[in-house]
Amino acid sequence: MSHHAYYLAGDRSLVTVIEDMVKDDGLVHAEANGDYYRRDFSSFTIDDARELRIAHETRPTHPGGWKIFILYFGGITVEAQNALLKLFEEPAEYAKFFIIIPSEHLLLPTVRSRLALLEIANIAPKKHASGSDMPGSVRSLAEKFVSSSQAERLLLIKKLMDDIANEKRTKQDAIDLVHAIEKVLYERKLGIGNDPARMQAMHVIQIAGKYAYDRSPSLKMLLEFVALSI
């Protein structure tokens, strides 16, 4: 754990995995104290970045101790990422950051270059690497989506949008579906190798995942883009 900031791609369940790792390594106890900062952001904004910088500037309660930041970003704005650049370039010697994000493609290259990738296989049970820890409804829907014809995919999207309109589901369910589709495609090796069609499929879903967190995304249009392109 020699680096000051790490990132890993996955869902919220990895927060617990990181907490256990931090406790096992003796970096800090997870009980509530000023040296342990855990936050879950549906979308990390520039205001959140300011709050994080203030928390970072407060020294540990125990001299020579660590301040641990475990952050889940469901999404993150470009402005917030730019605001974090200086923090990750010149962190305090007592700070360690662990950032969990649904897809590494949500991070700007300039931000990602300042973070070390934390390999899931090294810290988590196998289910995290395979994606089998996804909620069953989202996972099964993603598998059905990938296996269906274009016409069937469009019907699935219509049903999902109707459920959101009727408050049976939320917009976050649609965003989670985008990332679940990406995991299914990766596991089926559709994005591996030099096959242009396979590479295009992964490129399309990565674009959709990135734009899903814009301020006012049309999730229906993004999913239809995926449905007709993969």
C-alpha atoms as a PDB file:
ATOM      1  CA  MET A   1       0.000   0.000   0.000  1.00  0.00           C
ATOM      2  CA  SER A   2       2.812   2.386  -0.908  1.00  0.00           C
ATOM      3  CA  HIS A   3       0.765   4.640  -3.205  1.00  0.00           C
ATOM      4  CA  HIS A   4      -1.270   7.562  -1.862  1.00  0.00           C
ATOM      5  CA  ALA A   5      -4.385   7.028  -4.013  1.00  0.00           C
ATOM      6  CA  TYR A   6      -6.005   3.956  -5.556  1.00  0.00           C
ATOM      7  CA  TYR A   7      -9.020   3.328  -7.739  1.00  0.00           C
ATOM      8  CA  LEU A   8     -10.957   0.202  -8.630  1.00  0.00           C
ATOM      9  CA  ALA A   9     -13.989  -0.465 -10.791  1.00  0.00           C
ATOM     10  CA  GLY A  10     -17.004  -2.099  -9.189  1.00  0.00           C
ATOM     11  CA  ASP A  11     -20.187  -1.531  -7.236  1.00  0.00           C
ATOM     12  CA  ARG A  12     -20.923  -0.333  -3.709  1.00  0.00           C
ATOM     13  CA  SER A  13     -20.245  -3.754  -2.198  1.00  0.00           C
ATOM     14  CA  LEU A  14     -16.534  -3.118  -2.666  1.00  0.00           C
ATOM     15  CA  VAL A  15     -16.679  -0.415   0.005  1.00  0.00           C
ATOM     16  CA  THR A  16     -16.961  -3.150   2.630  1.00  0.00           C
ATOM     17  CA  VAL A  17     -14.076  -5.031   1.040  1.00  0.00           C
ATOM     18  CA  ILE A  18     -11.865  -1.939   1.250  1.00  0.00           C
ATOM     19  CA  GLU A  19     -12.938  -1.328   4.846  1.00  0.00           C
ATOM     20  CA  ASP A  20     -11.922  -4.867   5.795  1.00  0.00           C
ATOM     21  CA  MET A  21      -8.597  -4.461   4.003  1.00  0.00           C
ATOM     22  CA  VAL A  22      -7.887  -1.179   5.801  1.00  0.00           C
ATOM     23  CA  LYS A  23      -8.631  -2.762   9.179  1.00  0.00           C
ATOM     24  CA  ASP A  24      -6.591  -5.878   8.392  1.00  0.00           C
ATOM     25  CA  ASP A  25      -3.607  -3.721   7.420  1.00  0.00           C
ATOM     26  CA  GLY A  26      -3.946  -1.747  10.636  1.00  0.00           C
ATOM     27  CA  LEU A  27      -4.136   1.592   8.809  1.00  0.00           C
ATOM     28  CA  VAL A  28      -7.093   2.834  10.813  1.00  0.00           C
ATOM     29  CA  HIS A  29     -10.095   1.485  12.665  1.00  0.00           C
ATOM     30  CA  ALA A  30     -13.347   1.788  10.747  1.00  0.00           C
ATOM     31  CA  GLU A  31     -15.229   3.029  13.797  1.00  0.00           C
ATOM     32  CA  ALA A  32     -16.393   6.618  13.490  1.00  0.00           C
ATOM     33  CA  ASN A  33     -13.515   9.003  14.036  1.00  0.00           C
ATOM     34  CA  GLY A  34     -11.960  11.974  12.342  1.00  0.00           C
ATOM     35  CA  ASP A  35      -9.341   9.835  10.617  1.00  0.00           C
ATOM     36  CA  TYR A  36     -11.814   7.721   8.687  1.00  0.00           C
ATOM     37  CA  TYR A  37     -13.801   9.370   5.894  1.00  0.00           C
ATOM     38  CA  ARG A  38     -16.307   7.219   4.047  1.00  0.00           C
ATOM     39  CA  ARG A  39     -18.770   8.705   1.586  1.00  0.00           C
ATOM     40  CA  ASP A  40     -21.179   7.357  -1.045  1.00  0.00           C
ATOM     41  CA  PHE A  41     -21.910   9.790  -3.879  1.00  0.00           C
ATOM     42  CA  SER A  42     -24.513   9.132  -6.550  1.00  0.00           C
ATOM     43  CA  SER A  43     -22.727  11.850  -8.498  1.00  0.00           C
ATOM     44  CA  PHE A  44     -19.590  13.551  -7.184  1.00  0.00           C
ATOM     45  CA  THR A  45     -19.706  17.296  -7.872  1.00  0.00           C
ATOM     46  CA  ILE A  46     -17.344  20.233  -7.548  1.00  0.00           C
ATOM     47  CA  ASP A  47     -18.957  21.113  -4.195  1.00  0.00           C
ATOM     48  CA  ASP A  48     -18.159  17.597  -2.975  1.00  0.00           C
ATOM     49  CA  ALA A  49     -14.574  18.089  -4.165  1.00  0.00           C
ATOM     50  CA  ARG A  50     -14.289  21.224  -2.013  1.00  0.00           C
ATOM     51  CA  GLU A  51     -15.594  19.323   1.020  1.00  0.00           C
ATOM     52  CA  LEU A  52     -13.082  16.557   0.386  1.00  0.00           C
ATOM     53  CA  ARG A  53     -10.182  19.011   0.174  1.00  0.00           C
ATOM     54  CA  ILE A  54     -11.192  20.554   3.516  1.00  0.00           C
ATOM     55  CA  ALA A  55     -11.411  17.128   5.161  1.00  0.00           C
ATOM     56  CA  HIS A  56      -8.022  16.250   3.683  1.00  0.00           C
ATOM     57  CA  GLU A  57      -6.377  19.335   5.193  1.00  0.00           C
ATOM     58  CA  THR A  58      -7.331  18.320   8.740  1.00  0.00           C
ATOM     59  CA  ARG A  59      -4.445  16.384  10.266  1.00  0.00           C
ATOM     60  CA  PRO A  60      -4.983  12.954  11.877  1.00  0.00           C
ATOM     61  CA  THR A  61      -6.093  12.882  15.483  1.00  0.00           C
ATOM     62  CA  HIS A  62      -3.110  10.656  16.331  1.00  0.00           C
ATOM     63  CA  PRO A  63       0.354  12.041  15.459  1.00  0.00           C
ATOM     64  CA  GLY A  64       1.993   9.872  12.848  1.00  0.00           C
ATOM     65  CA  GLY A  65      -1.312   8.217  11.989  1.00  0.00           C
ATOM     66  CA  TRP A  66      -3.213   7.951   8.711  1.00  0.00           C
ATOM     67  CA  LYS A  67      -6.321   9.571   7.332  1.00  0.00           C
ATOM     68  CA  ILE A  68      -8.229   7.114   5.176  1.00  0.00           C
ATOM     69  CA  PHE A  69     -10.692   8.211   2.485  1.00  0.00           C
ATOM     70  CA  ILE A  70     -12.988   5.536   1.037  1.00  0.00           C
ATOM     71  CA  LEU A  71     -15.165   7.064  -1.682  1.00  0.00           C
ATOM     72  CA  TYR A  72     -17.789   5.522  -3.918  1.00  0.00           C
ATOM     73  CA  PHE A  73     -18.603   7.599  -7.007  1.00  0.00           C
ATOM     74  CA  GLY A  74     -21.739   6.471  -8.842  1.00  0.00           C
ATOM     75  CA  GLY A  75     -20.714   9.220 -11.256  1.00  0.00           C
ATOM     76  CA  ILE A  76     -18.396  12.209 -11.261  1.00  0.00           C
ATOM     77  CA  THR A  77     -18.543  15.466 -13.188  1.00  0.00           C
ATOM     78  CA  VAL A  78     -15.669  16.743 -15.305  1.00  0.00           C
ATOM     79  CA  GLU A  79     -15.485  19.891 -13.154  1.00  0.00           C
ATOM     80  CA  ALA A  80     -15.121  17.813  -9.995  1.00  0.00           C
ATOM     81  CA  GLN A  81     -12.372  15.724 -11.544  1.00  0.00           C
ATOM     82  CA  ASN A  82     -10.414  18.811 -12.527  1.00  0.00           C
ATOM     83  CA  ALA A  83     -10.829  20.101  -8.967  1.00  0.00           C
ATOM     84  CA  LEU A  84      -9.308  16.880  -7.631  1.00  0.00           C
ATOM     85  CA  LEU A  85      -6.187  17.006  -9.808  1.00  0.00           C
ATOM     86  CA  LYS A  86      -4.126  19.150  -7.431  1.00  0.00           C
ATOM     87  CA  LEU A  87      -5.246  17.075  -4.450  1.00  0.00           C
ATOM     88  CA  PHE A  88      -3.969  13.889  -6.063  1.00  0.00           C
ATOM     89  CA  GLU A  89      -0.803  15.586  -7.294  1.00  0.00           C
ATOM     90  CA  GLU A  90       0.170  16.938  -3.882  1.00  0.00           C
ATOM     91  CA  PRO A  91      -1.570  14.866  -1.198  1.00  0.00           C
ATOM     92  CA  ALA A  92      -0.684  15.134   2.463  1.00  0.00           C
ATOM     93  CA  GLU A  93       1.775  12.515   3.641  1.00  0.00           C
ATOM     94  CA  TYR A  94      -0.820  11.121   6.044  1.00  0.00           C
ATOM     95  CA  ALA A  95      -3.626  10.624   3.460  1.00  0.00           C
ATOM     96  CA  LYS A  96      -4.622   7.518   1.539  1.00  0.00           C
ATOM     97  CA  PHE A  97      -7.501   7.535  -0.937  1.00  0.00           C
ATOM     98  CA  PHE A  98      -9.533   4.560  -2.183  1.00  0.00           C
ATOM     99  CA  ILE A  99     -11.957   5.436  -4.988  1.00  0.00           C
ATOM    100  CA  ILE A 100     -14.564   2.960  -6.201  1.00  0.00           C
ATOM    101  CA  ILE A 101     -16.293   3.782  -9.470  1.00  0.00           C
ATOM    102  CA  PRO A 102     -18.588   1.693 -11.723  1.00  0.00           C
ATOM    103  CA  SER A 103     -16.223   1.970 -14.699  1.00  0.00           C
ATOM    104  CA  GLU A 104     -12.695   3.327 -14.987  1.00  0.00           C
ATOM    105  CA  HIS A 105     -13.772   4.997 -18.229  1.00  0.00           C
ATOM    106  CA  LEU A 106     -15.671   7.577 -16.169  1.00  0.00           C
ATOM    107  CA  LEU A 107     -12.321   8.987 -15.059  1.00  0.00           C
ATOM    108  CA  LEU A 108     -10.447  11.519 -17.134  1.00  0.00           C
ATOM    109  CA  PRO A 109      -7.041  10.237 -18.290  1.00  0.00           C
ATOM    110  CA  THR A 110      -5.351  13.034 -16.342  1.00  0.00           C
ATOM    111  CA  VAL A 111      -7.030  11.867 -13.124  1.00  0.00           C
ATOM    112  CA  ARG A 112      -6.533   8.177 -13.793  1.00  0.00           C
ATOM    113  CA  SER A 113      -2.809   8.711 -14.366  1.00  0.00           C
ATOM    114  CA  ARG A 114      -2.490  10.012 -10.804  1.00  0.00           C
ATOM    115  CA  LEU A 115      -4.174   6.961  -9.278  1.00  0.00           C
ATOM    116  CA  ALA A 116      -2.903   3.424  -8.888  1.00  0.00           C
ATOM    117  CA  LEU A 117      -5.185   0.601 -10.008  1.00  0.00           C
ATOM    118  CA  LEU A 118      -6.095  -1.691  -7.135  1.00  0.00           C
ATOM    119  CA  GLU A 119      -6.608  -5.146  -8.594  1.00  0.00           C
ATOM    120  CA  ILE A 120      -9.898  -6.598  -7.380  1.00  0.00           C
ATOM    121  CA  ALA A 121      -8.619 -10.157  -7.568  1.00  0.00           C
ATOM    122  CA  ASN A 122      -5.989  -9.326  -4.961  1.00  0.00           C
ATOM    123  CA  ILE A 123      -8.412  -8.127  -2.313  1.00  0.00           C
ATOM    124  CA  ALA A 124     -11.874  -9.498  -2.989  1.00  0.00           C
ATOM    125  CA  PRO A 125     -13.616 -12.834  -3.349  1.00  0.00           C
ATOM    126  CA  LYS A 126     -13.904 -14.176  -6.867  1.00  0.00           C
ATOM    127  CA  LYS A 127     -17.473 -13.002  -7.191  1.00  0.00           C
ATOM    128  CA  HIS A 128     -16.309  -9.382  -7.339  1.00  0.00           C
ATOM    129  CA  ALA A 129     -14.037 -10.050 -10.296  1.00  0.00           C
ATOM    130  CA  SER A 130     -16.732 -11.919 -12.191  1.00  0.00           C
ATOM    131  CA  GLY A 131     -19.510  -9.438 -11.527  1.00  0.00           C
ATOM    132  CA  SER A 132     -21.782 -12.122 -10.041  1.00  0.00           C
ATOM    133  CA  ASP A 133     -22.340  -9.877  -7.010  1.00  0.00           C
ATOM    134  CA  MET A 134     -24.599  -7.565  -9.035  1.00  0.00           C
ATOM    135  CA  PRO A 135     -28.224  -7.402  -7.981  1.00  0.00           C
ATOM    136  CA  GLY A 136     -29.965 -10.296  -9.679  1.00  0.00           C
ATOM    137  CA  SER A 137     -32.585  -8.190 -11.455  1.00  0.00           C
ATOM    138  CA  VAL A 138     -29.996  -5.885 -13.059  1.00  0.00           C
ATOM    139  CA  ARG A 139     -27.611  -8.698 -13.869  1.00  0.00           C
ATOM    140  CA  SER A 140     -30.274 -10.892 -15.447  1.00  0.00           C
ATOM    141  CA  LEU A 141     -31.667  -7.960 -17.398  1.00  0.00           C
ATOM    142  CA  ALA A 142     -28.187  -7.165 -18.741  1.00  0.00           C
ATOM    143  CA  GLU A 143     -27.638 -10.771 -19.842  1.00  0.00           C
ATOM    144  CA  LYS A 144     -31.039 -10.831 -21.525  1.00  0.00           C
ATOM    145  CA  PHE A 145     -30.280  -7.502 -23.213  1.00  0.00           C
ATOM    146  CA  VAL A 146     -26.980  -8.725 -24.675  1.00  0.00           C
ATOM    147  CA  SER A 147     -28.520 -11.998 -25.898  1.00  0.00           C
ATOM    148  CA  SER A 148     -31.600 -10.403 -27.488  1.00  0.00           C
ATOM    149  CA  SER A 149     -32.240  -9.081 -30.962  1.00  0.00           C
ATOM    150  CA  GLN A 150     -32.283  -5.339 -31.573  1.00  0.00           C
ATOM    151  CA  ALA A 151     -36.086  -5.290 -31.603  1.00  0.00           C
ATOM    152  CA  GLU A 152     -36.255  -7.171 -28.300  1.00  0.00           C
ATOM    153  CA  ARG A 153     -33.709  -4.796 -26.750  1.00  0.00           C
ATOM    154  CA  LEU A 154     -35.797  -1.792 -27.716  1.00  0.00           C
ATOM    155  CA  LEU A 155     -38.832  -3.369 -26.049  1.00  0.00           C
ATOM    156  CA  LEU A 156     -36.793  -3.953 -22.881  1.00  0.00           C
ATOM    157  CA  ILE A 157     -35.751  -0.298 -22.905  1.00  0.00           C
ATOM    158  CA  LYS A 158     -39.348   0.862 -23.346  1.00  0.00           C
ATOM    159  CA  LYS A 159     -40.444  -1.269 -20.400  1.00  0.00           C
ATOM    160  CA  LEU A 160     -37.622   0.102 -18.239  1.00  0.00           C
ATOM    161  CA  MET A 161     -38.450   3.711 -19.149  1.00  0.00           C
ATOM    162  CA  ASP A 162     -42.147   3.097 -18.411  1.00  0.00           C
ATOM    163  CA  ASP A 163     -41.218   1.674 -14.998  1.00  0.00           C
ATOM    164  CA  ILE A 164     -39.093   4.757 -14.267  1.00  0.00           C
ATOM    165  CA  ALA A 165     -41.958   7.054 -15.301  1.00  0.00           C
ATOM    166  CA  ASN A 166     -44.323   5.109 -13.017  1.00  0.00           C
ATOM    167  CA  GLU A 167     -41.753   5.228 -10.164  1.00  0.00           C
ATOM    168  CA  LYS A 168     -41.386   1.452 -10.103  1.00  0.00           C
ATOM    169  CA  ARG A 169     -37.702   1.948 -10.907  1.00  0.00           C
ATOM    170  CA  THR A 170     -35.270   4.866 -10.756  1.00  0.00           C
ATOM    171  CA  LYS A 171     -32.857   6.482 -13.197  1.00  0.00           C
ATOM    172  CA  GLN A 172     -30.067   4.839 -11.221  1.00  0.00           C
ATOM    173  CA  ASP A 173     -31.452   1.454 -12.343  1.00  0.00           C
ATOM    174  CA  ALA A 174     -30.941   2.523 -15.969  1.00  0.00           C
ATOM    175  CA  ILE A 175     -27.386   3.675 -15.216  1.00  0.00           C
ATOM    176  CA  ASP A 176     -26.667   0.418 -13.375  1.00  0.00           C
ATOM    177  CA  LEU A 177     -27.949  -1.467 -16.420  1.00  0.00           C
ATOM    178  CA  VAL A 178     -25.452   0.307 -18.680  1.00  0.00           C
ATOM    179  CA  HIS A 179     -22.577  -0.799 -16.445  1.00  0.00           C
ATOM    180  CA  ALA A 180     -24.001  -4.308 -16.054  1.00  0.00           C
ATOM    181  CA  ILE A 181     -24.114  -4.654 -19.854  1.00  0.00           C
ATOM    182  CA  GLU A 182     -20.455  -3.613 -19.987  1.00  0.00           C
ATOM    183  CA  LYS A 183     -19.548  -6.322 -17.461  1.00  0.00           C
ATOM    184  CA  VAL A 184     -21.497  -8.973 -19.380  1.00  0.00           C
ATOM    185  CA  LEU A 185     -19.824  -7.975 -22.656  1.00  0.00           C
ATOM    186  CA  TYR A 186     -16.404  -8.127 -21.038  1.00  0.00           C
ATOM    187  CA  GLU A 187     -17.039 -11.513 -19.457  1.00  0.00           C
ATOM    188  CA  ARG A 188     -18.165 -12.907 -22.799  1.00  0.00           C
ATOM    189  CA  LYS A 189     -14.901 -11.563 -24.249  1.00  0.00           C
ATOM    190  CA  LEU A 190     -16.751  -9.523 -26.849  1.00  0.00           C
ATOM    191  CA  GLY A 191     -14.351  -6.662 -26.284  1.00  0.00           C
ATOM    192  CA  ILE A 192     -11.141  -8.692 -26.278  1.00  0.00           C
ATOM    193  CA  GLY A 193      -8.752  -9.138 -29.150  1.00  0.00           C
ATOM    194  CA  ASN A 194      -8.491  -7.366 -32.473  1.00  0.00           C
ATOM    195  CA  ASP A 195     -11.892  -8.223 -33.909  1.00  0.00           C
ATOM    196  CA  PRO A 196     -13.264  -4.812 -35.023  1.00  0.00           C
ATOM    197  CA  ALA A 197     -16.873  -5.718 -34.184  1.00  0.00           C
ATOM    198  CA  ARG A 198     -15.946  -6.836 -30.682  1.00  0.00           C
ATOM    199  CA  MET A 199     -13.816  -3.757 -30.052  1.00  0.00           C
ATOM    200  CA  GLN A 200     -16.616  -1.529 -31.346  1.00  0.00           C
ATOM    201  CA  ALA A 201     -19.109  -3.119 -28.944  1.00  0.00           C
ATOM    202  CA  MET A 202     -16.946  -2.282 -25.936  1.00  0.00           C
ATOM    203  CA  HIS A 203     -16.255   1.213 -27.253  1.00  0.00           C
ATOM    204  CA  VAL A 204     -19.971   1.913 -27.603  1.00  0.00           C
ATOM    205  CA  ILE A 205     -20.862   0.771 -24.099  1.00  0.00           C
ATOM    206  CA  GLN A 206     -17.971   2.741 -22.597  1.00  0.00           C
ATOM    207  CA  ILE A 207     -19.202   5.906 -24.306  1.00  0.00           C
ATOM    208  CA  ALA A 208     -22.721   5.292 -22.984  1.00  0.00           C
ATOM    209  CA  GLY A 209     -21.406   4.717 -19.466  1.00  0.00           C
ATOM    210  CA  LYS A 210     -19.462   7.965 -19.579  1.00  0.00           C
ATOM    211  CA  TYR A 211     -22.375  10.126 -20.776  1.00  0.00           C
ATOM    212  CA  ALA A 212     -24.883   8.497 -18.408  1.00  0.00           C
ATOM    213  CA  TYR A 213     -23.601  10.846 -15.698  1.00  0.00           C
ATOM    214  CA  ASP A 214     -24.004  14.093 -17.598  1.00  0.00           C
ATOM    215  CA  ARG A 215     -26.233  16.663 -15.915  1.00  0.00           C
ATOM    216  CA  SER A 216     -29.284  15.856 -18.045  1.00  0.00           C
ATOM    217  CA  PRO A 217     -28.610  12.652 -19.944  1.00  0.00           C
ATOM    218  CA  SER A 218     -31.261  11.005 -22.085  1.00  0.00           C
ATOM    219  CA  LEU A 219     -30.903   7.503 -20.698  1.00  0.00           C
ATOM    220  CA  LYS A 220     -33.427   6.206 -23.225  1.00  0.00           C
ATOM    221  CA  MET A 221     -31.325   7.508 -26.123  1.00  0.00           C
ATOM    222  CA  LEU A 222     -28.120   6.118 -24.607  1.00  0.00           C
ATOM    223  CA  LEU A 223     -29.642   2.671 -24.142  1.00  0.00           C
ATOM    224  CA  GLU A 224     -31.085   2.732 -27.646  1.00  0.00           C
ATOM    225  CA  PHE A 225     -27.632   3.696 -28.933  1.00  0.00           C
ATOM    226  CA  VAL A 226     -26.241   0.634 -27.160  1.00  0.00           C
ATOM    227  CA  ALA A 227     -29.096  -1.594 -28.341  1.00  0.00           C
ATOM    228  CA  LEU A 228     -28.506  -0.758 -31.987  1.00  0.00           C
ATOM    229  CA  SER A 229     -24.709  -0.735 -31.859  1.00  0.00           C
ATOM    230  CA  ILE A 230     -23.425  -3.746 -29.943  1.00  0.00           C
END
